[in-house]
Amino acid sequence: MIHQPAKIADYFCGQGHPLLVIAGPCVLETDAAALEIAQRLQQIMEKLKLQIVFKGSFDKANRTSLNSFRGVGLEAGLKILEKVRSETGLPVTTDIHESNQAQAVGEVCDLLQIPAFLARQTDLLIAAAEHGKAVNVKKGQFMAPQDMRHAVEKLVESGCSNVLLCERGTFFGYGRLVNDMTGLPQMRQFAPVIFDATHSVQQPGGLGGKTGGNREFVEPLARAAIAVNVDGIFLETHPNPDLSPSDGPNMIPLDKLESLLERLVEIHGLVSQW
């Protein structure tokens, strides 16, 4: 099964198309915070000729601790995403955790994201496929790359022809993730592949009651993935990651994002010529 480019709003993701970047905060906080990030992403997109999708979660349903901030909720989160979309023109995406969220999210978002822990949930995939939008499935940290073909098949057979697969690391013992770069071309046989560079440096539960990480390894992993010829990069960013209510240790500071993407675009351009 050789994939065709996937269409997300007016973008095409796949061989021969510009790098797709899915970026934004881990969790949505306020209108103002989301717009600050989205407007900067829009500026970077215009300068670097990228395709950028704004990402923000309305609910972090798998936080380590019961007391951790989960988000603003479905209704408030979709209002923020709708505002980002209307004021910046950027396509938007968020993750769904339950089948009954798919319809509301599909009315606002251009891309529906399936969290890694839920990549095998058939009913969730079917619900996501039924609303005519592209779907991005994050590979479970416990799954082999070749097993992601089944997620693609579930979506295609349920009516979704625009599918992305996203690599975000594989469990390696307790509290650590690693990346097998050979898995990227394996998954690319089934659909365009996005490499999640920031979640790949997570240390699940590494800070006791919350997840840790090491952002200094984001760029080396992103460079390696683009050299292997992925179709896009997923990066979480925040003006002050250390104050982010979720995933701060993994995130790229917003003022460092443009220079990082500049280097990744250069590698992507070189690889595209081969």
Protein backbone atom coordinates (compact mmCIF):
# COMPACT_ATOMS: atom_id res chain seq x y z
CA MET A 1 0.00 0.00 0.00
CA ILE A 2 1.84 3.13 -1.26
CA HIS A 3 0.37 6.34 0.07
CA GLN A 4 -0.84 9.39 -1.79
CA PRO A 5 -0.32 12.90 -0.38
CA ALA A 6 -2.82 13.80 2.32
CA LYS A 7 -4.88 16.99 2.02
CA ILE A 8 -5.27 19.17 5.11
CA ALA A 9 -7.31 22.31 4.35
CA ASP A 10 -5.37 23.84 1.40
CA TYR A 11 -2.15 21.97 2.17
CA PHE A 12 -0.81 18.74 0.73
CA CYS A 13 1.47 16.58 2.85
CA GLY A 14 3.65 14.00 1.16
CA GLN A 15 6.39 13.44 -1.38
CA GLY A 16 7.07 16.51 -3.49
CA HIS A 17 5.29 18.97 -1.20
CA PRO A 18 6.64 21.52 1.30
CA LEU A 19 7.38 20.39 4.84
CA LEU A 20 4.27 20.26 7.01
CA VAL A 21 4.74 21.62 10.52
CA ILE A 22 2.19 20.95 13.27
CA ALA A 23 3.00 23.34 16.09
CA GLY A 24 1.49 25.11 19.06
CA PRO A 25 1.18 24.85 22.82
CA CYS A 26 0.67 21.52 24.51
CA VAL A 27 -2.58 22.66 26.12
CA LEU A 28 -4.79 25.64 25.33
CA GLU A 29 -4.85 28.28 28.07
CA THR A 30 -6.41 31.58 26.90
CA ASP A 31 -7.38 33.30 23.64
CA ALA A 32 -4.50 35.74 24.03
CA ALA A 33 -1.90 33.04 24.68
CA ALA A 34 -3.02 30.96 21.70
CA LEU A 35 -3.10 33.97 19.37
CA GLU A 36 0.38 35.08 20.42
CA ILE A 37 1.77 31.71 19.38
CA ALA A 38 -0.38 31.41 16.25
CA GLN A 39 0.53 34.86 14.96
CA ARG A 40 4.21 34.07 15.35
CA LEU A 41 3.69 30.77 13.51
CA GLN A 42 1.97 32.63 10.69
CA GLN A 43 4.95 34.98 10.36
CA ILE A 44 7.37 32.05 10.28
CA MET A 45 5.25 30.25 7.69
CA GLU A 46 5.28 33.22 5.34
CA LYS A 47 9.03 33.72 5.72
CA LEU A 48 10.10 30.10 5.35
CA LYS A 49 7.42 28.96 2.85
CA LEU A 50 6.22 26.22 5.16
CA GLN A 51 2.82 24.67 5.70
CA ILE A 52 1.93 25.20 9.36
CA VAL A 53 -1.04 23.77 11.26
CA PHE A 54 -1.76 25.25 14.70
CA LYS A 55 -2.18 22.62 17.41
CA GLY A 56 -3.58 23.00 20.91
CA SER A 57 -5.30 20.52 23.22
CA PHE A 58 -8.58 21.37 24.97
CA ASP A 59 -8.09 18.45 27.38
CA LYS A 60 -5.03 16.48 28.46
CA ALA A 61 -6.85 13.32 29.43
CA ASN A 62 -3.76 11.28 30.30
CA ARG A 63 -1.97 13.49 32.82
CA THR A 64 0.24 11.69 35.34
CA SER A 65 -1.46 13.20 38.37
CA LEU A 66 -5.14 13.76 39.13
CA ASN A 67 -4.21 17.27 40.28
CA SER A 68 -2.48 18.33 37.04
CA PHE A 69 -4.09 20.98 34.82
CA ARG A 70 -6.07 19.27 32.07
CA GLY A 71 -7.24 22.17 29.93
CA VAL A 72 -10.12 24.52 29.26
CA GLY A 73 -12.59 21.88 28.09
CA LEU A 74 -14.19 21.05 24.73
CA GLU A 75 -16.47 24.05 24.27
CA ALA A 76 -13.98 26.72 25.37
CA GLY A 77 -11.13 24.99 23.52
CA LEU A 78 -13.01 24.91 20.22
CA LYS A 79 -13.86 28.60 20.57
CA ILE A 80 -10.15 29.38 20.96
CA LEU A 81 -9.25 27.23 17.95
CA GLU A 82 -11.99 28.84 15.87
CA LYS A 83 -10.64 32.28 16.77
CA VAL A 84 -7.09 31.26 15.85
CA ARG A 85 -8.30 29.94 12.52
CA SER A 86 -10.35 33.03 11.66
CA GLU A 87 -7.73 35.60 12.76
CA THR A 88 -4.59 33.96 11.35
CA GLY A 89 -5.84 31.76 8.52
CA LEU A 90 -3.88 28.82 9.89
CA PRO A 91 -5.54 25.40 9.78
CA VAL A 92 -6.06 24.04 13.29
CA THR A 93 -5.95 20.65 14.99
CA THR A 94 -6.64 19.13 18.36
CA ASP A 95 -6.85 15.62 19.79
CA ILE A 96 -9.99 13.67 20.54
CA HIS A 97 -10.18 11.08 23.29
CA GLU A 98 -13.75 9.86 22.95
CA SER A 99 -15.92 9.03 19.93
CA ASN A 100 -18.56 11.55 20.92
CA GLN A 101 -16.05 14.43 20.59
CA ALA A 102 -15.39 13.80 16.89
CA GLN A 103 -18.38 15.64 15.46
CA ALA A 104 -17.87 18.90 17.37
CA VAL A 105 -14.12 18.90 16.71
CA GLY A 106 -14.65 18.04 13.04
CA GLU A 107 -16.83 21.13 12.62
CA VAL A 108 -13.98 23.42 13.69
CA CYS A 109 -10.69 21.63 13.00
CA ASP A 110 -9.05 20.81 9.68
CA LEU A 111 -7.18 17.86 11.16
CA LEU A 112 -8.24 15.49 13.93
CA GLN A 113 -5.51 13.98 16.08
CA ILE A 114 -5.70 10.54 17.68
CA PRO A 115 -3.53 10.29 20.82
CA ALA A 116 -0.87 7.60 20.91
CA PHE A 117 -2.44 5.67 23.77
CA LEU A 118 -5.64 5.40 21.69
CA ALA A 119 -4.19 4.45 18.29
CA ARG A 120 -5.82 1.01 18.42
CA GLN A 121 -9.28 2.21 19.47
CA THR A 122 -11.43 1.18 16.53
CA ASP A 123 -14.56 3.13 17.49
CA LEU A 124 -12.54 6.32 17.93
CA LEU A 125 -10.89 5.91 14.52
CA ILE A 126 -14.24 5.24 12.84
CA ALA A 127 -15.78 8.31 14.48
CA ALA A 128 -12.86 10.47 13.36
CA ALA A 129 -13.13 9.18 9.80
CA GLU A 130 -16.82 9.97 9.47
CA HIS A 131 -16.51 13.77 9.46
CA GLY A 132 -14.60 14.36 6.24
CA LYS A 133 -11.48 15.87 7.78
CA ALA A 134 -7.90 14.60 7.67
CA VAL A 135 -6.81 12.42 10.59
CA ASN A 136 -3.39 12.24 12.24
CA VAL A 137 -2.79 9.04 14.22
CA LYS A 138 0.06 9.06 16.71
CA LYS A 139 1.78 5.69 16.92
CA GLY A 140 1.33 4.06 20.30
CA GLN A 141 4.52 4.01 22.36
CA PHE A 142 3.88 0.26 22.66
CA MET A 143 3.32 -0.43 18.94
CA ALA A 144 5.55 -1.66 16.14
CA PRO A 145 5.76 0.64 13.09
CA GLN A 146 4.34 -2.00 10.74
CA ASP A 147 1.25 -2.37 12.94
CA MET A 148 0.17 1.18 12.07
CA ARG A 149 -1.06 -0.09 8.72
CA HIS A 150 -4.11 -1.39 10.59
CA ALA A 151 -4.97 2.10 11.85
CA VAL A 152 -4.72 3.39 8.28
CA GLU A 153 -6.94 0.58 7.00
CA LYS A 154 -9.59 1.30 9.66
CA LEU A 155 -9.68 4.95 8.64
CA VAL A 156 -9.68 4.35 4.89
CA GLU A 157 -12.38 1.70 5.11
CA SER A 158 -14.44 4.12 7.22
CA GLY A 159 -14.27 6.83 4.57
CA CYS A 160 -11.15 8.88 5.40
CA SER A 161 -8.66 9.14 2.54
CA ASN A 162 -6.42 11.81 4.11
CA VAL A 163 -4.40 10.06 6.80
CA LEU A 164 -1.17 11.00 8.54
CA LEU A 165 0.87 8.79 10.85
CA CYS A 166 2.93 10.34 13.63
CA GLU A 167 5.97 8.87 15.39
CA ARG A 168 6.47 9.99 18.99
CA GLY A 169 8.88 7.46 20.45
CA THR A 170 8.73 3.94 21.84
CA PHE A 171 8.87 2.85 25.48
CA PHE A 172 12.37 1.72 26.43
CA GLY A 173 12.10 0.43 29.98
CA TYR A 174 10.57 2.69 32.61
CA GLY A 175 10.38 6.45 32.15
CA ARG A 176 12.22 6.61 28.85
CA LEU A 177 11.40 6.80 25.15
CA VAL A 178 13.65 6.04 22.20
CA ASN A 179 13.25 6.48 18.44
CA ASP A 180 13.86 3.79 15.88
CA MET A 181 14.52 5.72 12.67
CA THR A 182 14.02 2.59 10.58
CA GLY A 183 10.35 2.71 11.60
CA LEU A 184 9.79 5.97 9.72
CA PRO A 185 10.20 4.59 6.19
CA GLN A 186 8.25 1.51 7.28
CA MET A 187 5.25 3.64 8.25
CA ARG A 188 5.70 5.84 5.18
CA GLN A 189 4.63 2.87 3.05
CA PHE A 190 1.12 3.36 4.47
CA ALA A 191 0.70 7.15 4.79
CA PRO A 192 2.68 10.41 5.02
CA VAL A 193 4.69 10.45 8.25
CA ILE A 194 5.03 13.24 10.79
CA PHE A 195 7.83 13.11 13.36
CA ASP A 196 6.89 14.39 16.82
CA ALA A 197 10.20 15.78 17.99
CA THR A 198 9.07 17.21 21.32
CA HIS A 199 7.11 14.25 22.72
CA SER A 200 9.97 11.99 21.64
CA VAL A 201 12.16 13.54 24.34
CA GLN A 202 9.62 12.97 27.12
CA GLN A 203 10.48 11.08 30.26
CA PRO A 204 7.04 9.74 31.27
CA GLY A 205 6.49 10.21 35.01
CA GLY A 206 10.10 11.36 35.25
CA LEU A 207 9.35 14.17 37.69
CA GLY A 208 7.40 12.05 40.14
CA GLY A 209 3.88 13.42 39.80
CA LYS A 210 4.43 14.72 36.27
CA THR A 211 6.29 13.97 33.05
CA GLY A 212 9.80 15.24 32.50
CA GLY A 213 11.87 15.62 29.36
CA ASN A 214 14.94 17.12 27.78
CA ARG A 215 14.42 19.71 25.04
CA GLU A 216 18.09 19.81 24.06
CA PHE A 217 17.55 16.58 22.12
CA VAL A 218 14.60 17.90 20.08
CA GLU A 219 16.70 19.32 17.25
CA PRO A 220 19.07 16.35 16.80
CA LEU A 221 16.10 13.99 16.57
CA ALA A 222 14.20 16.30 14.20
CA ARG A 223 17.26 16.58 11.94
CA ALA A 224 17.64 12.82 11.85
CA ALA A 225 13.97 12.27 11.02
CA ILE A 226 14.03 14.75 8.15
CA ALA A 227 17.21 13.12 6.83
CA VAL A 228 15.26 9.84 6.77
CA ASN A 229 12.68 11.70 4.62
CA VAL A 230 9.60 12.26 6.75
CA ASP A 231 6.85 14.53 5.43
CA GLY A 232 6.41 16.76 8.45
CA ILE A 233 7.47 17.74 11.95
CA PHE A 234 5.39 18.13 15.11
CA LEU A 235 6.75 20.62 17.66
CA GLU A 236 5.19 22.04 20.79
CA THR A 237 6.18 25.60 21.58
CA HIS A 238 5.46 28.25 24.21
CA PRO A 239 6.75 31.78 24.96
CA ASN A 240 7.97 30.48 28.33
CA PRO A 241 7.98 26.66 28.41
CA ASP A 242 8.93 26.53 32.07
CA LEU A 243 5.60 28.22 32.87
CA SER A 244 3.55 25.98 30.60
CA PRO A 245 0.99 23.93 32.56
CA SER A 246 1.87 20.81 30.54
CA ASP A 247 5.00 19.33 28.92
CA GLY A 248 7.22 22.35 29.60
CA PRO A 249 10.52 20.40 29.74
CA ASN A 250 10.03 19.16 26.16
CA MET A 251 8.86 22.36 24.49
CA ILE A 252 10.77 24.73 22.23
CA PRO A 253 10.81 28.38 23.37
CA LEU A 254 8.81 30.40 20.85
CA ASP A 255 11.71 32.78 20.20
CA LYS A 256 13.93 29.81 19.20
CA LEU A 257 11.44 28.22 16.83
CA GLU A 258 12.20 30.13 13.63
CA SER A 259 15.93 29.38 13.65
CA LEU A 260 15.23 25.70 14.34
CA LEU A 261 12.74 25.46 11.50
CA GLU A 262 15.14 27.29 9.18
CA ARG A 263 17.71 24.53 9.67
CA LEU A 264 15.11 21.79 9.26
CA VAL A 265 13.82 23.32 6.02
CA GLU A 266 17.37 23.38 4.67
CA ILE A 267 17.78 19.65 5.38
CA HIS A 268 14.35 18.90 3.90
CA GLY A 269 15.22 20.78 0.72
CA LEU A 270 18.43 18.80 0.33
CA VAL A 271 16.77 15.44 0.97
CA SER A 272 13.96 16.29 -1.48
CA GLN A 273 16.52 16.54 -4.28
CA TRP A 274 17.75 12.98 -3.81
